[in-house]
């Protein structure tokens, strides 16, 4: 359902005051895959709709005020750490090139400063524990370079944490995995539980003394996919203080899309392509498959259904938005790219969400959670220094 024009106008007005903090955007990886970081070949100061979900004009149209840029690298890369450093370098190049629009941000105060300045506060999140290569020293250096969350796994297990989409390995978090969480708490780096197994979620909540996040995950009760969050985990967020940032990926929000996506992924592999690839060659294969196998289409209302349920279970103080743009081949109708956030806010207005609640969803909760992690870090640092524990020492 398309929001009525009055609701859309009210949504745009709200976003001018309380813009979207989006928890996860894969533009850096798309730039690597498409043009090997040649920013001139994908000048995001101009409309890039033929190639990307993301550019500056559409971020402005979408009412985005802060963005966690994912510095994701594939978990099967043999050189994950230097590849992650290249991703960080890409974000830094973007901020330097488009400084009038993008503001570097490391703290909650930086996010608020960006809002006052009218620039998009640009933070970074590393997607997958493989990016630290089992090294707490590497974790600390990613923090020093500006990374403010680490997703504990991607689609595959790491030696110390189980992924939602892999076979059980250590049964959640190993002892070294718990030490990773403790060191993240000490640093002030957010523990991101998107992509991890439910057992890992529960172990991380047992271990963390700081708020956790789900940078791009939806409700398992609404769509039964292992990447989504079970209700018993959502119920723990009020005590922890963390937040779940609903994602827009159709295969995570629409039950009918789950089986279709599995078949589409198999088709990609049959053509010798990675199932997550979004290169022009990959998209050509996707479109050909879709022509003969019509894709179930998620909508703005589909995503709003997740938020309605998640608000009922976790409460409004623990919700946010993480679209996963440029990290997915398909998007919901009405949320086609980063210009679409007003459509979601308008849908929620039509569902009688209050302005106060929406301001928390779009802006307030994400700023609060990062600030709370910073406060915890100060307290922990006053008690202890860096951990030099190793995987071998703690897990044998």
Protein backbone atom coordinates (compact mmCIF):
# COMPACT_ATOMS: atom_id res chain seq x y z
CA UNK A 1 0.00 0.00 0.00
CA UNK A 2 1.34 3.43 -0.96
CA UNK A 3 1.15 5.94 1.91
CA UNK A 4 -1.32 8.77 1.42
CA UNK A 5 0.25 12.03 0.31
CA UNK A 6 -0.44 13.76 3.64
CA UNK A 7 1.42 11.05 5.53
CA UNK A 8 4.35 11.26 3.12
CA UNK A 9 4.60 15.01 3.60
CA UNK A 10 4.50 14.54 7.39
CA UNK A 11 7.19 11.86 7.11
CA UNK A 12 9.50 14.14 5.17
CA UNK A 13 8.95 16.90 7.70
CA UNK A 14 9.78 14.57 10.60
CA UNK A 15 12.95 13.37 8.88
CA UNK A 16 14.16 16.92 8.49
CA UNK A 17 14.32 17.12 12.29
CA UNK A 18 15.05 13.47 13.13
CA UNK A 19 16.84 11.97 10.14
CA UNK A 20 17.51 8.30 9.61
CA UNK A 21 20.50 6.60 11.17
CA UNK A 22 20.95 3.58 8.93
CA UNK A 23 22.88 0.69 10.46
CA UNK A 24 24.23 -0.96 7.34
CA UNK A 25 25.06 0.10 3.78
CA UNK A 26 27.42 -1.90 1.53
CA UNK A 27 28.39 0.90 -0.87
CA UNK A 28 32.16 0.38 -0.24
CA UNK A 29 31.94 -3.27 -1.33
CA UNK A 30 29.87 -2.34 -4.38
CA UNK A 31 32.56 0.20 -5.33
CA UNK A 32 35.21 -2.48 -4.95
CA UNK A 33 33.28 -4.99 -7.05
CA UNK A 34 32.15 -2.60 -9.77
CA UNK A 35 35.03 -0.15 -10.28
CA UNK A 36 37.82 -1.24 -7.92
CA UNK A 37 37.40 1.93 -5.84
CA UNK A 38 37.58 4.34 -8.81
CA UNK A 39 35.31 6.94 -7.23
CA UNK A 40 35.30 9.01 -10.40
CA UNK A 41 33.73 6.10 -12.28
CA UNK A 42 30.87 6.03 -9.76
CA UNK A 43 30.59 9.68 -8.76
CA UNK A 44 27.98 9.53 -6.01
CA UNK A 45 27.50 13.30 -6.21
CA UNK A 46 25.36 12.42 -9.23
CA UNK A 47 22.51 9.97 -9.58
CA UNK A 48 23.84 6.40 -9.87
CA UNK A 49 20.55 4.55 -10.15
CA UNK A 50 21.78 2.45 -13.06
CA UNK A 51 24.50 0.93 -10.86
CA UNK A 52 23.89 1.55 -7.16
CA UNK A 53 21.19 1.92 -4.52
CA UNK A 54 23.17 4.77 -2.96
CA UNK A 55 24.26 8.25 -3.96
CA UNK A 56 24.23 11.65 -2.28
CA UNK A 57 21.11 13.04 -4.00
CA UNK A 58 19.06 10.00 -2.99
CA UNK A 59 20.48 9.96 0.55
CA UNK A 60 19.24 13.54 0.86
CA UNK A 61 15.86 12.63 -0.65
CA UNK A 62 15.63 9.74 1.81
CA UNK A 63 16.25 11.90 4.86
CA UNK A 64 19.44 10.10 5.95
CA UNK A 65 21.40 11.92 8.66
CA UNK A 66 23.89 9.23 9.68
CA UNK A 67 25.16 6.11 7.98
CA UNK A 68 27.16 3.15 9.21
CA UNK A 69 29.14 2.27 6.09
CA UNK A 70 29.88 -1.45 6.10
CA UNK A 71 33.56 -2.29 5.59
CA UNK A 72 32.53 -5.83 4.69
CA UNK A 73 34.75 -8.36 2.97
CA UNK A 74 33.79 -11.88 1.97
CA UNK A 75 34.59 -14.53 4.55
CA UNK A 76 36.23 -16.78 1.96
CA UNK A 77 38.93 -14.23 1.08
CA UNK A 78 42.41 -15.40 2.10
CA UNK A 79 43.45 -11.79 2.80
CA UNK A 80 40.52 -10.57 4.85
CA UNK A 81 42.47 -8.13 7.03
CA UNK A 82 44.13 -6.12 4.21
CA UNK A 83 40.88 -6.25 2.25
CA UNK A 84 39.09 -4.75 5.27
CA UNK A 85 41.74 -2.03 5.44
CA UNK A 86 41.03 -1.24 1.78
CA UNK A 87 37.35 -0.92 2.62
CA UNK A 88 38.16 1.49 5.46
CA UNK A 89 40.33 3.45 3.04
CA UNK A 90 37.41 3.62 0.61
CA UNK A 91 35.15 5.17 3.26
CA UNK A 92 37.86 7.67 4.14
CA UNK A 93 38.23 8.56 0.47
CA UNK A 94 34.49 9.08 0.19
CA UNK A 95 34.44 11.39 3.21
CA UNK A 96 37.42 13.36 1.89
CA UNK A 97 35.98 13.66 -1.62
CA UNK A 98 32.49 14.64 -0.50
CA UNK A 99 33.31 16.57 2.67
CA UNK A 100 30.56 19.11 2.17
CA UNK A 101 28.00 16.29 2.41
CA UNK A 102 29.66 13.59 4.54
CA UNK A 103 31.05 14.16 8.03
CA UNK A 104 33.47 11.76 9.73
CA UNK A 105 31.91 10.41 12.92
CA UNK A 106 33.37 8.33 15.75
CA UNK A 107 31.03 9.16 18.64
CA UNK A 108 27.44 9.93 19.49
CA UNK A 109 28.47 13.58 19.85
CA UNK A 110 29.84 13.49 16.29
CA UNK A 111 26.48 12.20 15.08
CA UNK A 112 24.69 15.10 16.73
CA UNK A 113 27.24 17.55 15.32
CA UNK A 114 26.57 16.19 11.84
CA UNK A 115 22.84 16.71 12.33
CA UNK A 116 23.42 20.33 13.37
CA UNK A 117 25.71 20.92 10.40
CA UNK A 118 23.36 19.30 7.92
CA UNK A 119 25.98 16.72 6.90
CA UNK A 120 25.60 12.94 6.90
CA UNK A 121 27.53 11.54 9.86
CA UNK A 122 29.64 8.71 8.46
CA UNK A 123 30.55 5.81 10.73
CA UNK A 124 31.96 2.38 9.92
CA UNK A 125 31.06 -1.18 10.86
CA UNK A 126 33.10 -4.30 10.05
CA UNK A 127 30.89 -7.19 8.93
CA UNK A 128 32.32 -10.47 10.16
CA UNK A 129 34.79 -11.67 12.77
CA UNK A 130 37.04 -12.99 9.99
CA UNK A 131 38.14 -9.35 9.59
CA UNK A 132 40.18 -9.57 12.82
CA UNK A 133 41.87 -12.91 12.01
CA UNK A 134 41.49 -14.18 15.60
CA UNK A 135 43.54 -11.23 16.91
CA UNK A 136 42.48 -8.82 19.63
CA UNK A 137 45.31 -6.53 18.55
CA UNK A 138 43.78 -6.36 15.07
CA UNK A 139 40.40 -5.64 16.66
CA UNK A 140 41.91 -2.69 18.52
CA UNK A 141 43.53 -1.33 15.37
CA UNK A 142 40.22 -1.46 13.51
CA UNK A 143 38.76 0.61 16.34
CA UNK A 144 41.66 3.08 16.06
CA UNK A 145 40.90 3.41 12.34
CA UNK A 146 37.31 4.34 13.11
CA UNK A 147 35.34 1.07 13.07
CA UNK A 148 32.55 1.36 15.63
CA UNK A 149 30.90 -2.04 15.37
CA UNK A 150 31.96 -5.57 14.53
CA UNK A 151 29.43 -8.11 13.30
CA UNK A 152 30.70 -11.24 15.02
CA UNK A 153 30.21 -13.46 11.95
CA UNK A 154 29.07 -13.15 8.38
CA UNK A 155 27.52 -16.12 6.57
CA UNK A 156 30.18 -18.57 7.76
CA UNK A 157 31.36 -19.52 11.23
CA UNK A 158 34.58 -18.13 12.61
CA UNK A 159 36.74 -20.19 14.96
CA UNK A 160 35.11 -18.58 18.00
CA UNK A 161 31.50 -17.81 16.95
CA UNK A 162 28.70 -19.58 15.10
CA UNK A 163 26.89 -18.03 12.16
CA UNK A 164 23.15 -18.27 11.56
CA UNK A 165 23.73 -19.75 8.11
CA UNK A 166 26.41 -22.35 8.89
CA UNK A 167 26.42 -25.63 10.79
CA UNK A 168 26.95 -25.35 14.58
CA UNK A 169 30.64 -25.13 15.43
CA UNK A 170 31.42 -24.00 18.97
CA UNK A 171 27.81 -23.90 20.12
CA UNK A 172 27.51 -20.11 20.11
CA UNK A 173 30.53 -18.24 21.46
CA UNK A 174 33.72 -19.96 22.58
CA UNK A 175 35.69 -18.58 25.52
CA UNK A 176 37.82 -16.57 23.10
CA UNK A 177 34.59 -15.32 21.52
CA UNK A 178 33.46 -14.09 24.91
CA UNK A 179 36.84 -12.35 25.30
CA UNK A 180 36.27 -10.63 21.94
CA UNK A 181 32.97 -9.29 23.30
CA UNK A 182 34.63 -8.16 26.54
CA UNK A 183 37.38 -6.36 24.62
CA UNK A 184 34.80 -4.67 22.40
CA UNK A 185 33.04 -3.46 25.54
CA UNK A 186 36.34 -2.08 26.81
CA UNK A 187 36.97 -0.25 23.54
CA UNK A 188 33.47 1.14 23.10
CA UNK A 189 32.93 -0.88 19.90
CA UNK A 190 29.36 -2.08 19.46
CA UNK A 191 28.77 -5.84 19.37
CA UNK A 192 26.68 -6.49 16.25
CA UNK A 193 24.63 -9.69 16.31
CA UNK A 194 23.24 -9.65 12.79
CA UNK A 195 24.27 -12.80 10.90
CA UNK A 196 25.04 -14.80 14.05
CA UNK A 197 23.30 -17.96 15.27
CA UNK A 198 20.66 -17.59 17.98
CA UNK A 199 23.01 -19.39 20.38
CA UNK A 200 25.66 -16.76 19.64
CA UNK A 201 23.13 -13.99 20.24
CA UNK A 202 22.27 -15.41 23.66
CA UNK A 203 25.91 -15.94 24.66
CA UNK A 204 26.80 -12.40 23.60
CA UNK A 205 23.92 -10.99 25.66
CA UNK A 206 25.10 -13.07 28.61
CA UNK A 207 28.60 -11.63 28.23
CA UNK A 208 28.23 -8.02 27.14
CA UNK A 209 28.01 -5.25 29.75
CA UNK A 210 27.28 -2.71 26.99
CA UNK A 211 24.29 -2.44 24.65
CA UNK A 212 24.44 -4.69 21.60
CA UNK A 213 22.99 -4.00 18.18
CA UNK A 214 21.56 -5.90 15.26
CA UNK A 215 22.71 -3.68 12.39
CA UNK A 216 20.41 -5.25 9.79
CA UNK A 217 18.03 -7.98 11.01
CA UNK A 218 14.28 -8.48 11.20
CA UNK A 219 11.82 -10.63 13.17
CA UNK A 220 11.95 -14.42 13.01
CA UNK A 221 8.37 -14.66 14.26
CA UNK A 222 7.20 -12.71 11.19
CA UNK A 223 9.55 -14.37 8.68
CA UNK A 224 11.13 -17.65 9.71
CA UNK A 225 14.66 -17.18 8.42
CA UNK A 226 17.73 -18.00 10.56
CA UNK A 227 19.14 -14.51 9.88
CA UNK A 228 16.27 -12.99 11.85
CA UNK A 229 15.91 -12.41 15.59
CA UNK A 230 13.88 -14.80 17.77
CA UNK A 231 11.41 -13.23 20.19
CA UNK A 232 13.25 -14.47 23.28
CA UNK A 233 16.29 -12.46 22.13
CA UNK A 234 14.22 -9.37 21.33
CA UNK A 235 12.75 -9.62 24.82
CA UNK A 236 16.24 -9.25 26.31
CA UNK A 237 17.04 -5.95 24.61
CA UNK A 238 15.35 -3.72 27.22
CA UNK A 239 17.58 -5.12 29.98
CA UNK A 240 20.69 -4.94 27.79
CA UNK A 241 19.82 -1.48 26.42
CA UNK A 242 20.57 -2.47 22.84
CA UNK A 243 18.63 -2.20 19.62
CA UNK A 244 17.49 -4.17 16.56
CA UNK A 245 17.70 -2.34 13.23
CA UNK A 246 15.11 -3.79 10.87
CA UNK A 247 16.40 -4.72 7.42
CA UNK A 248 14.67 -4.51 4.05
CA UNK A 249 16.15 -7.59 2.31
CA UNK A 250 13.13 -9.40 0.82
CA UNK A 251 14.40 -12.89 1.67
CA UNK A 252 14.56 -11.85 5.34
CA UNK A 253 11.20 -10.09 5.54
CA UNK A 254 8.85 -12.02 3.22
CA UNK A 255 8.27 -15.72 3.85
CA UNK A 256 7.41 -16.41 0.22
CA UNK A 257 10.78 -15.02 -0.84
CA UNK A 258 12.79 -17.51 1.22
CA UNK A 259 12.36 -20.51 -1.10
CA UNK A 260 12.58 -18.35 -4.22
CA UNK A 261 15.89 -16.89 -3.05
CA UNK A 262 17.34 -20.34 -2.38
CA UNK A 263 16.58 -21.27 -5.99
CA UNK A 264 18.00 -17.99 -7.27
CA UNK A 265 21.19 -18.54 -5.26
CA UNK A 266 21.56 -22.03 -6.72
CA UNK A 267 21.17 -20.54 -10.19
CA UNK A 268 23.96 -18.04 -9.50
CA UNK A 269 26.30 -20.82 -8.37
CA UNK A 270 25.41 -22.85 -11.46
CA UNK A 271 26.67 -19.91 -13.53
CA UNK A 272 29.93 -19.85 -11.60
CA UNK A 273 29.03 -16.70 -9.63
CA UNK A 274 28.96 -15.97 -5.93
CA UNK A 275 25.36 -15.98 -4.78
CA UNK A 276 25.71 -12.51 -3.19
CA UNK A 277 27.33 -10.88 -6.23
CA UNK A 278 25.72 -7.70 -7.58
CA UNK A 279 28.09 -6.98 -10.48
CA UNK A 280 26.52 -6.20 -13.89
CA UNK A 281 27.22 -9.80 -14.97
CA UNK A 282 25.54 -11.14 -11.84
CA UNK A 283 22.52 -8.87 -12.20
CA UNK A 284 22.07 -10.05 -15.79
CA UNK A 285 21.90 -13.65 -14.51
CA UNK A 286 19.49 -12.58 -11.76
CA UNK A 287 17.18 -10.84 -14.23
CA UNK A 288 17.15 -13.79 -16.61
CA UNK A 289 16.18 -16.11 -13.73
CA UNK A 290 13.46 -13.72 -12.61
CA UNK A 291 11.93 -13.59 -16.10
CA UNK A 292 11.11 -17.29 -15.93
CA UNK A 293 10.62 -17.45 -12.15
CA UNK A 294 8.62 -14.40 -11.01
CA UNK A 295 9.96 -13.02 -7.76
CA UNK A 296 7.68 -12.61 -4.71
CA UNK A 297 7.66 -8.88 -4.03
CA UNK A 298 8.03 -7.44 -0.55
CA UNK A 299 6.58 -3.98 0.10
CA UNK A 300 6.87 -1.15 2.59
CA UNK A 301 4.00 -2.77 4.49
CA UNK A 302 5.98 -6.02 4.76
CA UNK A 303 8.79 -4.19 6.58
CA UNK A 304 6.30 -2.29 8.73
CA UNK A 305 4.79 -5.61 9.83
CA UNK A 306 8.20 -6.56 11.25
CA UNK A 307 8.50 -3.24 13.08
CA UNK A 308 5.00 -3.58 14.54
CA UNK A 309 5.90 -6.98 15.97
CA UNK A 310 9.36 -5.95 17.14
CA UNK A 311 7.92 -2.91 18.92
CA UNK A 312 5.43 -5.15 20.71
CA UNK A 313 8.16 -7.52 21.88
CA UNK A 314 11.20 -5.28 22.50
CA UNK A 315 9.64 -1.84 22.92
CA UNK A 316 10.11 1.33 20.89
CA UNK A 317 13.34 2.29 22.68
CA UNK A 318 15.12 -0.67 21.10
CA UNK A 319 14.38 -0.36 17.38
CA UNK A 320 16.16 1.18 14.41
CA UNK A 321 16.68 0.82 10.66
CA UNK A 322 19.40 -1.00 8.69
CA UNK A 323 18.42 -1.25 5.06
CA UNK A 324 21.41 -3.25 3.67
CA UNK A 325 21.40 -1.19 0.49
CA UNK A 326 24.01 -2.15 -2.10
CA UNK A 327 24.40 -5.44 -0.24
CA UNK A 328 21.36 -7.12 -1.79
CA UNK A 329 20.27 -7.72 -5.35
CA UNK A 330 16.59 -7.06 -4.58
CA UNK A 331 14.69 -4.52 -2.51
CA UNK A 332 11.04 -4.09 -1.49
CA UNK A 333 8.60 -2.10 -3.57
CA UNK A 334 8.66 1.44 -2.22
CA UNK A 335 12.06 0.92 -0.63
CA UNK A 336 13.89 0.55 -3.92
CA UNK A 337 16.93 2.59 -2.85
CA UNK A 338 18.08 5.01 -0.14
CA UNK A 339 15.48 7.58 -1.17
CA UNK A 340 12.70 5.32 0.14
CA UNK A 341 12.87 5.83 3.93
CA UNK A 342 10.07 8.46 3.93
CA UNK A 343 7.72 5.81 2.52
CA UNK A 344 8.37 3.59 5.55
CA UNK A 345 7.89 6.45 8.00
CA UNK A 346 4.66 7.40 6.22
CA UNK A 347 3.41 3.81 6.45
CA UNK A 348 4.09 3.82 10.18
CA UNK A 349 2.29 7.15 10.56
CA UNK A 350 -0.69 5.55 8.83
CA UNK A 351 -0.46 2.78 11.45
CA UNK A 352 -0.72 5.38 14.23
CA UNK A 353 2.92 5.39 15.28
CA UNK A 354 3.50 8.63 17.18
CA UNK A 355 5.98 11.29 16.19
CA UNK A 356 7.87 10.61 19.44
CA UNK A 357 8.16 6.92 18.63
CA UNK A 358 9.28 7.59 15.07
CA UNK A 359 11.95 10.04 16.25
CA UNK A 360 13.37 7.26 18.41
CA UNK A 361 13.24 4.77 15.53
CA UNK A 362 14.98 7.00 13.01
CA UNK A 363 17.47 8.91 15.16
CA UNK A 364 17.31 8.81 18.93
CA UNK A 365 17.85 5.13 19.70
CA UNK A 366 20.98 4.75 17.57
CA UNK A 367 22.61 7.83 19.07
CA UNK A 368 21.74 6.70 22.60
CA UNK A 369 23.15 3.20 22.10
CA UNK A 370 26.52 4.41 20.78
CA UNK A 371 26.75 6.91 23.62
CA UNK A 372 25.96 4.21 26.17
CA UNK A 373 28.73 2.00 24.73
CA UNK A 374 31.13 4.91 25.12
CA UNK A 375 30.11 5.33 28.77
CA UNK A 376 30.64 1.63 29.48
CA UNK A 377 34.07 1.79 27.85
CA UNK A 378 35.16 4.56 30.19
CA UNK A 379 34.11 2.50 33.20
CA UNK A 380 35.81 -0.68 31.96
CA UNK A 381 39.01 1.11 30.99
CA UNK A 382 39.27 2.47 34.50
CA UNK A 383 39.40 -1.13 35.78
CA UNK A 384 41.59 -2.93 33.24
CA UNK A 385 43.83 -2.57 30.24
CA UNK A 386 43.84 -4.29 26.85
CA UNK A 387 43.50 -8.06 26.65
CA UNK A 388 46.30 -9.95 24.92
CA UNK A 389 44.58 -13.33 25.15
CA UNK A 390 44.81 -15.60 22.14
CA UNK A 391 42.50 -18.16 20.59
CA UNK A 392 44.99 -20.91 21.44
CA UNK A 393 45.23 -19.87 25.10
CA UNK A 394 41.48 -19.72 25.72
CA UNK A 395 40.11 -22.37 23.38
CA UNK A 396 43.00 -24.82 23.27
